[in-house]
Amino acid sequence: MTAASEAMRPPSRTLLFLEGRALWELGAFVGSLPLLNSAPRGDGHPVLVLPGLIASDISTRPLRGFLKGRGYSAHGWGLGRNLGPREGIEDGMRERLLELHQRHGRKVSLIGWSLGGVFARELAKQEPQAVRQVITLGSPFAGDPRATNAWRVFEWASGQKVPERGSSRIDRLREPPPVPTTAIYSRDDGICAWQACRETAGPMADNIEIIGSHCGLGHNPAAVYAIADRLAQPEDGWKPFARDGWKRAIYQDPDRA
């Protein structure tokens, strides 16, 4: 484990308090729809969106509605509230993925918000032949599970203890899936340490940093545009996000100090 991961701490109380911005971000999303509609259109492939901890498909409805308007076949996970890896959840997600893959005859893009992104990465490792790409939104797959302000909620909801620092389970979560992967995160995240939400950049992995809250990532206009940009990548021609032109004013350099 690196010194950086050992030094990870949960976000400050100030950032946690500022999570109330999520409501403002929802309003900004609605107001930005005319601009967001300039995002690349899709090719009709299926997209499966997994909600965050204690959230349900209701939380991802704005994002899925937007993606449907851009030409994608966007779907919720259909498993109620995300209460962690309780009995039947992992099998349910896998069945949902394979059903969409078979129904559409095409690979499925996975979008996961927070814990949903951790699930999406693991799902892509289990069934890579069915997955086109993975996009995570503030998902803490790369650090100590206690470097969040929600680990006690996870234990309460799931009935399980979070893995101990240095455990093999944490090491497995860090391993990237064998498909293109994009991690969208914010240094202003009030729930998860942003350092834990970053991917190790490589030929099939990229990081996109935005400004915003954790609870608003699924409808933050900058995040939504980035999602549309990623989904529009050709299946066999994926490239990292291009921070060129006007995008430099919106998207932070993820590799800055």
C-alpha atoms as a PDB file:
ATOM      1  CA  MET A   1       0.000   0.000   0.000  1.00  0.00           C
ATOM      2  CA  THR A   2       1.336   3.455  -0.863  1.00  0.00           C
ATOM      3  CA  ALA A   3       2.012   6.231   1.611  1.00  0.00           C
ATOM      4  CA  ALA A   4      -0.649   8.287  -0.152  1.00  0.00           C
ATOM      5  CA  SER A   5      -3.336   5.689   0.455  1.00  0.00           C
ATOM      6  CA  GLU A   6      -2.248   5.327   4.078  1.00  0.00           C
ATOM      7  CA  ALA A   7      -2.646   9.095   4.535  1.00  0.00           C
ATOM      8  CA  MET A   8      -6.174   9.214   3.126  1.00  0.00           C
ATOM      9  CA  ARG A   9      -8.730  10.722   5.433  1.00  0.00           C
ATOM     10  CA  PRO A  10     -12.480  11.238   5.093  1.00  0.00           C
ATOM     11  CA  PRO A  11     -13.495  14.641   3.689  1.00  0.00           C
ATOM     12  CA  SER A  12     -13.771  17.476   6.187  1.00  0.00           C
ATOM     13  CA  ARG A  13     -16.962  18.403   8.005  1.00  0.00           C
ATOM     14  CA  THR A  14     -17.087  21.562   5.914  1.00  0.00           C
ATOM     15  CA  LEU A  15     -17.194  19.557   2.678  1.00  0.00           C
ATOM     16  CA  LEU A  16     -19.743  17.193   4.207  1.00  0.00           C
ATOM     17  CA  PHE A  17     -21.946  20.173   5.090  1.00  0.00           C
ATOM     18  CA  LEU A  18     -21.587  21.499   1.541  1.00  0.00           C
ATOM     19  CA  GLU A  19     -23.163  18.326   0.137  1.00  0.00           C
ATOM     20  CA  GLY A  20     -26.378  20.340   0.206  1.00  0.00           C
ATOM     21  CA  ARG A  21     -25.157  21.749  -3.114  1.00  0.00           C
ATOM     22  CA  ALA A  22     -26.576  18.647  -4.756  1.00  0.00           C
ATOM     23  CA  LEU A  23     -30.015  20.278  -4.888  1.00  0.00           C
ATOM     24  CA  TRP A  24     -28.550  23.334  -6.596  1.00  0.00           C
ATOM     25  CA  GLU A  25     -26.747  21.059  -9.040  1.00  0.00           C
ATOM     26  CA  LEU A  26     -30.042  19.405  -9.938  1.00  0.00           C
ATOM     27  CA  GLY A  27     -31.451  22.829 -10.776  1.00  0.00           C
ATOM     28  CA  ALA A  28     -28.320  23.620 -12.768  1.00  0.00           C
ATOM     29  CA  PHE A  29     -28.775  20.350 -14.662  1.00  0.00           C
ATOM     30  CA  VAL A  30     -32.312  21.286 -15.686  1.00  0.00           C
ATOM     31  CA  GLY A  31     -31.212  24.788 -16.647  1.00  0.00           C
ATOM     32  CA  SER A  32     -28.278  23.444 -18.644  1.00  0.00           C
ATOM     33  CA  LEU A  33     -30.268  20.986 -20.750  1.00  0.00           C
ATOM     34  CA  PRO A  34     -30.223  23.224 -23.863  1.00  0.00           C
ATOM     35  CA  LEU A  35     -26.409  23.255 -23.681  1.00  0.00           C
ATOM     36  CA  LEU A  36     -26.130  19.593 -22.704  1.00  0.00           C
ATOM     37  CA  ASN A  37     -28.114  18.693 -25.792  1.00  0.00           C
ATOM     38  CA  SER A  38     -25.047  19.694 -27.788  1.00  0.00           C
ATOM     39  CA  ALA A  39     -23.248  16.655 -26.341  1.00  0.00           C
ATOM     40  CA  PRO A  40     -22.459  13.836 -28.782  1.00  0.00           C
ATOM     41  CA  ARG A  41     -25.410  11.620 -29.652  1.00  0.00           C
ATOM     42  CA  GLY A  42     -25.316   7.932 -28.922  1.00  0.00           C
ATOM     43  CA  ASP A  43     -25.361   4.874 -31.140  1.00  0.00           C
ATOM     44  CA  GLY A  44     -28.252   3.183 -29.339  1.00  0.00           C
ATOM     45  CA  HIS A  45     -26.214   0.746 -27.279  1.00  0.00           C
ATOM     46  CA  PRO A  46     -27.531  -0.275 -23.846  1.00  0.00           C
ATOM     47  CA  VAL A  47     -26.416   1.509 -20.680  1.00  0.00           C
ATOM     48  CA  LEU A  48     -26.944   0.148 -17.168  1.00  0.00           C
ATOM     49  CA  VAL A  49     -26.838   2.692 -14.323  1.00  0.00           C
ATOM     50  CA  LEU A  50     -26.164   1.505 -10.761  1.00  0.00           C
ATOM     51  CA  PRO A  51     -27.151   3.783  -7.840  1.00  0.00           C
ATOM     52  CA  GLY A  52     -25.098   4.681  -4.781  1.00  0.00           C
ATOM     53  CA  LEU A  53     -25.395   3.482  -1.202  1.00  0.00           C
ATOM     54  CA  ILE A  54     -29.001   3.527   0.156  1.00  0.00           C
ATOM     55  CA  ALA A  55     -30.153   5.084  -3.139  1.00  0.00           C
ATOM     56  CA  SER A  56     -32.442   3.543  -5.753  1.00  0.00           C
ATOM     57  CA  ASP A  57     -33.246   3.971  -9.434  1.00  0.00           C
ATOM     58  CA  ILE A  58     -35.090   7.176  -8.522  1.00  0.00           C
ATOM     59  CA  SER A  59     -31.726   8.877  -7.947  1.00  0.00           C
ATOM     60  CA  THR A  60     -30.482   8.003 -11.445  1.00  0.00           C
ATOM     61  CA  ARG A  61     -33.696   8.902 -13.266  1.00  0.00           C
ATOM     62  CA  PRO A  62     -32.514  12.369 -14.433  1.00  0.00           C
ATOM     63  CA  LEU A  63     -29.313  10.907 -15.888  1.00  0.00           C
ATOM     64  CA  ARG A  64     -31.092   8.004 -17.547  1.00  0.00           C
ATOM     65  CA  GLY A  65     -33.701  10.338 -19.003  1.00  0.00           C
ATOM     66  CA  PHE A  66     -30.996  12.518 -20.499  1.00  0.00           C
ATOM     67  CA  LEU A  67     -29.162   9.531 -21.958  1.00  0.00           C
ATOM     68  CA  LYS A  68     -32.347   8.212 -23.527  1.00  0.00           C
ATOM     69  CA  GLY A  69     -32.764  11.619 -25.152  1.00  0.00           C
ATOM     70  CA  ARG A  70     -29.262  11.317 -26.586  1.00  0.00           C
ATOM     71  CA  GLY A  71     -30.107   8.009 -28.230  1.00  0.00           C
ATOM     72  CA  TYR A  72     -29.050   5.394 -25.676  1.00  0.00           C
ATOM     73  CA  SER A  73     -31.099   2.552 -24.253  1.00  0.00           C
ATOM     74  CA  ALA A  74     -30.565   3.511 -20.593  1.00  0.00           C
ATOM     75  CA  HIS A  75     -31.739   1.231 -17.792  1.00  0.00           C
ATOM     76  CA  GLY A  76     -31.874   1.233 -14.000  1.00  0.00           C
ATOM     77  CA  TRP A  77     -30.649  -1.740 -12.046  1.00  0.00           C
ATOM     78  CA  GLY A  78     -34.154  -2.739 -10.867  1.00  0.00           C
ATOM     79  CA  LEU A  79     -33.016  -4.049  -7.477  1.00  0.00           C
ATOM     80  CA  GLY A  80     -34.530  -1.462  -5.151  1.00  0.00           C
ATOM     81  CA  ARG A  81     -32.328   0.421  -2.718  1.00  0.00           C
ATOM     82  CA  ASN A  82     -28.603  -0.228  -2.813  1.00  0.00           C
ATOM     83  CA  LEU A  83     -27.971  -1.636   0.656  1.00  0.00           C
ATOM     84  CA  GLY A  84     -24.580  -3.035  -0.206  1.00  0.00           C
ATOM     85  CA  PRO A  85     -23.610  -6.568  -1.235  1.00  0.00           C
ATOM     86  CA  ARG A  86     -26.468  -8.296   0.534  1.00  0.00           C
ATOM     87  CA  GLU A  87     -27.534 -11.787  -0.455  1.00  0.00           C
ATOM     88  CA  GLY A  88     -28.793 -11.928  -4.033  1.00  0.00           C
ATOM     89  CA  ILE A  89     -27.562  -8.475  -5.073  1.00  0.00           C
ATOM     90  CA  GLU A  90     -24.453  -9.600  -6.926  1.00  0.00           C
ATOM     91  CA  ASP A  91     -26.368 -12.325  -8.755  1.00  0.00           C
ATOM     92  CA  GLY A  92     -29.147  -9.842  -9.511  1.00  0.00           C
ATOM     93  CA  MET A  93     -26.752  -7.354 -11.097  1.00  0.00           C
ATOM     94  CA  ARG A  94     -25.078 -10.050 -13.135  1.00  0.00           C
ATOM     95  CA  GLU A  95     -28.427 -11.352 -14.387  1.00  0.00           C
ATOM     96  CA  ARG A  96     -29.516  -7.812 -15.282  1.00  0.00           C
ATOM     97  CA  LEU A  97     -26.307  -7.207 -17.238  1.00  0.00           C
ATOM     98  CA  LEU A  98     -26.497 -10.478 -19.144  1.00  0.00           C
ATOM     99  CA  GLU A  99     -30.192  -9.993 -19.885  1.00  0.00           C
ATOM    100  CA  LEU A 100     -29.527  -6.566 -21.439  1.00  0.00           C
ATOM    101  CA  HIS A 101     -26.540  -7.926 -23.354  1.00  0.00           C
ATOM    102  CA  GLN A 102     -28.651 -10.732 -24.805  1.00  0.00           C
ATOM    103  CA  ARG A 103     -31.709  -8.576 -25.483  1.00  0.00           C
ATOM    104  CA  HIS A 104     -29.792  -5.905 -27.403  1.00  0.00           C
ATOM    105  CA  GLY A 105     -27.139  -8.145 -28.900  1.00  0.00           C
ATOM    106  CA  ARG A 106     -24.545  -5.535 -27.949  1.00  0.00           C
ATOM    107  CA  LYS A 107     -22.134  -4.862 -25.126  1.00  0.00           C
ATOM    108  CA  VAL A 108     -23.468  -2.812 -22.224  1.00  0.00           C
ATOM    109  CA  SER A 109     -21.859   0.333 -20.826  1.00  0.00           C
ATOM    110  CA  LEU A 110     -21.923   0.441 -17.024  1.00  0.00           C
ATOM    111  CA  ILE A 111     -22.266   3.669 -15.040  1.00  0.00           C
ATOM    112  CA  GLY A 112     -21.946   3.420 -11.278  1.00  0.00           C
ATOM    113  CA  TRP A 113     -22.451   6.185  -8.725  1.00  0.00           C
ATOM    114  CA  SER A 114     -20.400   5.853  -5.523  1.00  0.00           C
ATOM    115  CA  LEU A 115     -20.812   2.242  -4.286  1.00  0.00           C
ATOM    116  CA  GLY A 116     -22.566   1.522  -7.580  1.00  0.00           C
ATOM    117  CA  GLY A 117     -19.291   2.240  -9.361  1.00  0.00           C
ATOM    118  CA  VAL A 118     -17.448  -0.248  -7.179  1.00  0.00           C
ATOM    119  CA  PHE A 119     -20.094  -2.800  -8.152  1.00  0.00           C
ATOM    120  CA  ALA A 120     -19.788  -1.842 -11.843  1.00  0.00           C
ATOM    121  CA  ARG A 121     -16.035  -2.457 -11.861  1.00  0.00           C
ATOM    122  CA  GLU A 122     -16.421  -5.861 -10.241  1.00  0.00           C
ATOM    123  CA  LEU A 123     -19.230  -6.761 -12.634  1.00  0.00           C
ATOM    124  CA  ALA A 124     -16.997  -5.900 -15.592  1.00  0.00           C
ATOM    125  CA  LYS A 125     -14.281  -8.162 -14.192  1.00  0.00           C
ATOM    126  CA  GLN A 126     -16.754 -11.043 -13.936  1.00  0.00           C
ATOM    127  CA  GLU A 127     -18.409 -10.588 -17.353  1.00  0.00           C
ATOM    128  CA  PRO A 128     -16.004  -8.594 -19.565  1.00  0.00           C
ATOM    129  CA  GLN A 129     -17.464 -10.078 -22.740  1.00  0.00           C
ATOM    130  CA  ALA A 130     -20.744  -8.274 -21.979  1.00  0.00           C
ATOM    131  CA  VAL A 131     -19.309  -4.872 -21.007  1.00  0.00           C
ATOM    132  CA  ARG A 132     -18.360  -2.057 -23.375  1.00  0.00           C
ATOM    133  CA  GLN A 133     -16.924   0.337 -20.788  1.00  0.00           C
ATOM    134  CA  VAL A 134     -17.227   1.409 -17.147  1.00  0.00           C
ATOM    135  CA  ILE A 135     -17.794   4.949 -15.871  1.00  0.00           C
ATOM    136  CA  THR A 136     -17.599   5.575 -12.125  1.00  0.00           C
ATOM    137  CA  LEU A 137     -18.918   8.644 -10.288  1.00  0.00           C
ATOM    138  CA  GLY A 138     -17.140   9.318  -7.010  1.00  0.00           C
ATOM    139  CA  SER A 139     -16.550   5.621  -6.389  1.00  0.00           C
ATOM    140  CA  PRO A 140     -13.963   4.848  -3.653  1.00  0.00           C
ATOM    141  CA  PHE A 141     -12.373   1.761  -5.181  1.00  0.00           C
ATOM    142  CA  ALA A 142      -8.741   2.809  -4.695  1.00  0.00           C
ATOM    143  CA  GLY A 143      -8.363   3.511  -0.994  1.00  0.00           C
ATOM    144  CA  ASP A 144      -9.173   2.688   2.603  1.00  0.00           C
ATOM    145  CA  PRO A 145     -12.958   2.146   2.928  1.00  0.00           C
ATOM    146  CA  ARG A 146     -12.831   4.229   6.098  1.00  0.00           C
ATOM    147  CA  ALA A 147     -11.615   7.231   4.093  1.00  0.00           C
ATOM    148  CA  THR A 148     -15.276   8.088   3.582  1.00  0.00           C
ATOM    149  CA  ASN A 149     -17.986   9.677   5.688  1.00  0.00           C
ATOM    150  CA  ALA A 150     -20.325   6.804   4.856  1.00  0.00           C
ATOM    151  CA  TRP A 151     -18.543   3.667   6.048  1.00  0.00           C
ATOM    152  CA  ARG A 152     -20.728   3.367   9.146  1.00  0.00           C
ATOM    153  CA  VAL A 153     -23.812   3.737   6.955  1.00  0.00           C
ATOM    154  CA  PHE A 154     -22.441   0.942   4.761  1.00  0.00           C
ATOM    155  CA  GLU A 155     -22.022  -1.346   7.763  1.00  0.00           C
ATOM    156  CA  TRP A 156     -25.531  -0.537   8.992  1.00  0.00           C
ATOM    157  CA  ALA A 157     -27.162  -0.992   5.570  1.00  0.00           C
ATOM    158  CA  SER A 158     -25.260  -4.078   4.455  1.00  0.00           C
ATOM    159  CA  GLY A 159     -24.855  -5.844   7.769  1.00  0.00           C
ATOM    160  CA  GLN A 160     -21.171  -6.318   6.905  1.00  0.00           C
ATOM    161  CA  LYS A 161     -17.932  -4.884   8.223  1.00  0.00           C
ATOM    162  CA  VAL A 162     -15.828  -2.810   5.856  1.00  0.00           C
ATOM    163  CA  PRO A 163     -12.558  -4.554   4.915  1.00  0.00           C
ATOM    164  CA  GLU A 164      -9.528  -3.782   7.040  1.00  0.00           C
ATOM    165  CA  ARG A 165      -6.768  -1.634   5.575  1.00  0.00           C
ATOM    166  CA  GLY A 166      -4.261  -3.806   3.727  1.00  0.00           C
ATOM    167  CA  SER A 167      -6.663  -6.696   3.174  1.00  0.00           C
ATOM    168  CA  SER A 168      -6.578  -8.681  -0.063  1.00  0.00           C
ATOM    169  CA  ARG A 169     -10.174  -7.646  -0.715  1.00  0.00           C
ATOM    170  CA  ILE A 170      -9.154  -3.975  -0.913  1.00  0.00           C
ATOM    171  CA  ASP A 171      -6.272  -4.866  -3.218  1.00  0.00           C
ATOM    172  CA  ARG A 172      -8.690  -6.689  -5.532  1.00  0.00           C
ATOM    173  CA  LEU A 173     -10.986  -3.665  -5.699  1.00  0.00           C
ATOM    174  CA  ARG A 174      -8.092  -1.539  -6.952  1.00  0.00           C
ATOM    175  CA  GLU A 175      -7.445  -3.850  -9.889  1.00  0.00           C
ATOM    176  CA  PRO A 176      -8.931  -2.315 -13.055  1.00  0.00           C
ATOM    177  CA  PRO A 177     -11.426  -4.243 -15.157  1.00  0.00           C
ATOM    178  CA  PRO A 178     -10.260  -5.409 -18.605  1.00  0.00           C
ATOM    179  CA  VAL A 179     -12.419  -2.820 -20.392  1.00  0.00           C
ATOM    180  CA  PRO A 180     -12.097   0.955 -20.912  1.00  0.00           C
ATOM    181  CA  THR A 181     -12.685   2.694 -17.591  1.00  0.00           C
ATOM    182  CA  THR A 182     -13.288   6.347 -16.704  1.00  0.00           C
ATOM    183  CA  ALA A 183     -13.324   7.687 -13.151  1.00  0.00           C
ATOM    184  CA  ILE A 184     -15.216  10.960 -12.676  1.00  0.00           C
ATOM    185  CA  TYR A 185     -14.606  12.581  -9.308  1.00  0.00           C
ATOM    186  CA  SER A 186     -14.464  15.905  -7.429  1.00  0.00           C
ATOM    187  CA  ARG A 187     -11.895  17.193  -4.957  1.00  0.00           C
ATOM    188  CA  ASP A 188     -14.849  18.895  -3.245  1.00  0.00           C
ATOM    189  CA  ASP A 189     -16.507  15.524  -2.557  1.00  0.00           C
ATOM    190  CA  GLY A 190     -17.920  15.592   0.971  1.00  0.00           C
ATOM    191  CA  ILE A 191     -18.504  11.834   1.252  1.00  0.00           C
ATOM    192  CA  CYS A 192     -15.487  10.029  -0.209  1.00  0.00           C
ATOM    193  CA  ALA A 193     -11.813  10.975  -0.206  1.00  0.00           C
ATOM    194  CA  TRP A 194     -11.236  12.058  -3.795  1.00  0.00           C
ATOM    195  CA  GLN A 195      -7.867  10.285  -3.906  1.00  0.00           C
ATOM    196  CA  ALA A 196      -9.708   6.979  -3.466  1.00  0.00           C
ATOM    197  CA  CYS A 197     -11.897   7.686  -6.502  1.00  0.00           C
ATOM    198  CA  ARG A 198      -9.100   7.981  -9.085  1.00  0.00           C
ATOM    199  CA  GLU A 199      -7.981   5.351 -11.549  1.00  0.00           C
ATOM    200  CA  THR A 200      -4.349   4.728 -12.450  1.00  0.00           C
ATOM    201  CA  ALA A 201      -4.229   6.288 -15.905  1.00  0.00           C
ATOM    202  CA  GLY A 202      -3.307   3.954 -18.744  1.00  0.00           C
ATOM    203  CA  PRO A 203      -4.214   2.907 -22.297  1.00  0.00           C
ATOM    204  CA  MET A 204      -7.738   1.953 -21.180  1.00  0.00           C
ATOM    205  CA  ALA A 205      -8.181   4.125 -18.083  1.00  0.00           C
ATOM    206  CA  ASP A 206      -8.783   7.821 -17.556  1.00  0.00           C
ATOM    207  CA  ASN A 207      -9.694  10.334 -14.847  1.00  0.00           C
ATOM    208  CA  ILE A 208     -12.002  13.324 -15.256  1.00  0.00           C
ATOM    209  CA  GLU A 209     -12.108  15.881 -12.463  1.00  0.00           C
ATOM    210  CA  ILE A 210     -15.073  18.188 -12.015  1.00  0.00           C
ATOM    211  CA  ILE A 211     -16.163  20.732  -9.415  1.00  0.00           C
ATOM    212  CA  GLY A 212     -19.162  19.639  -7.383  1.00  0.00           C
ATOM    213  CA  SER A 213     -20.618  17.542  -4.600  1.00  0.00           C
ATOM    214  CA  HIS A 214     -20.696  13.773  -4.206  1.00  0.00           C
ATOM    215  CA  CYS A 215     -24.477  13.593  -3.949  1.00  0.00           C
ATOM    216  CA  GLY A 216     -24.873  15.656  -7.110  1.00  0.00           C
ATOM    217  CA  LEU A 217     -22.505  13.727  -9.365  1.00  0.00           C
ATOM    218  CA  GLY A 218     -25.319  11.964 -11.191  1.00  0.00           C
ATOM    219  CA  HIS A 219     -26.828  15.246 -12.369  1.00  0.00           C
ATOM    220  CA  ASN A 220     -23.898  17.673 -12.232  1.00  0.00           C
ATOM    221  CA  PRO A 221     -23.884  19.271 -15.722  1.00  0.00           C
ATOM    222  CA  ALA A 222     -20.117  18.836 -16.163  1.00  0.00           C
ATOM    223  CA  ALA A 223     -20.313  15.185 -15.123  1.00  0.00           C
ATOM    224  CA  VAL A 224     -23.296  14.533 -17.382  1.00  0.00           C
ATOM    225  CA  TYR A 225     -21.546  16.052 -20.394  1.00  0.00           C
ATOM    226  CA  ALA A 226     -18.439  13.976 -19.682  1.00  0.00           C
ATOM    227  CA  ILE A 227     -20.571  10.829 -19.429  1.00  0.00           C
ATOM    228  CA  ALA A 228     -22.158  11.565 -22.812  1.00  0.00           C
ATOM    229  CA  ASP A 229     -18.722  12.168 -24.317  1.00  0.00           C
ATOM    230  CA  ARG A 230     -17.409   8.856 -22.965  1.00  0.00           C
ATOM    231  CA  LEU A 231     -20.429   6.844 -24.087  1.00  0.00           C
ATOM    232  CA  ALA A 232     -20.062   8.228 -27.613  1.00  0.00           C
ATOM    233  CA  GLN A 233     -16.590   6.710 -27.977  1.00  0.00           C
ATOM    234  CA  PRO A 234     -16.479   3.997 -30.666  1.00  0.00           C
ATOM    235  CA  GLU A 235     -16.553   0.518 -29.199  1.00  0.00           C
ATOM    236  CA  ASP A 236     -13.219  -0.363 -30.771  1.00  0.00           C
ATOM    237  CA  GLY A 237     -11.734   3.141 -30.726  1.00  0.00           C
ATOM    238  CA  TRP A 238     -11.861   4.366 -27.125  1.00  0.00           C
ATOM    239  CA  LYS A 239      -9.666   7.376 -26.340  1.00  0.00           C
ATOM    240  CA  PRO A 240      -9.130   9.392 -23.144  1.00  0.00           C
ATOM    241  CA  PHE A 241     -11.195  12.517 -22.549  1.00  0.00           C
ATOM    242  CA  ALA A 242      -9.828  15.536 -24.450  1.00  0.00           C
ATOM    243  CA  ARG A 243      -9.586  18.645 -22.254  1.00  0.00           C
ATOM    244  CA  ASP A 244      -9.258  20.989 -25.212  1.00  0.00           C
ATOM    245  CA  GLY A 245     -10.854  24.306 -26.111  1.00  0.00           C
ATOM    246  CA  TRP A 246     -13.644  25.417 -23.779  1.00  0.00           C
ATOM    247  CA  LYS A 247     -13.351  22.209 -21.748  1.00  0.00           C
ATOM    248  CA  ARG A 248     -10.200  23.537 -20.082  1.00  0.00           C
ATOM    249  CA  ALA A 249     -12.360  26.126 -18.333  1.00  0.00           C
ATOM    250  CA  ILE A 250     -14.746  23.469 -16.966  1.00  0.00           C
ATOM    251  CA  TYR A 251     -12.637  20.390 -16.308  1.00  0.00           C
ATOM    252  CA  GLN A 252      -9.692  20.515 -13.930  1.00  0.00           C
ATOM    253  CA  ASP A 253      -6.362  18.916 -14.802  1.00  0.00           C
ATOM    254  CA  PRO A 254      -6.550  15.646 -12.834  1.00  0.00           C
ATOM    255  CA  ASP A 255      -2.753  15.378 -12.706  1.00  0.00           C
ATOM    256  CA  ARG A 256      -2.098  18.781 -11.140  1.00  0.00           C
ATOM    257  CA  ALA A 257      -0.463  18.922  -7.705  1.00  0.00           C
END
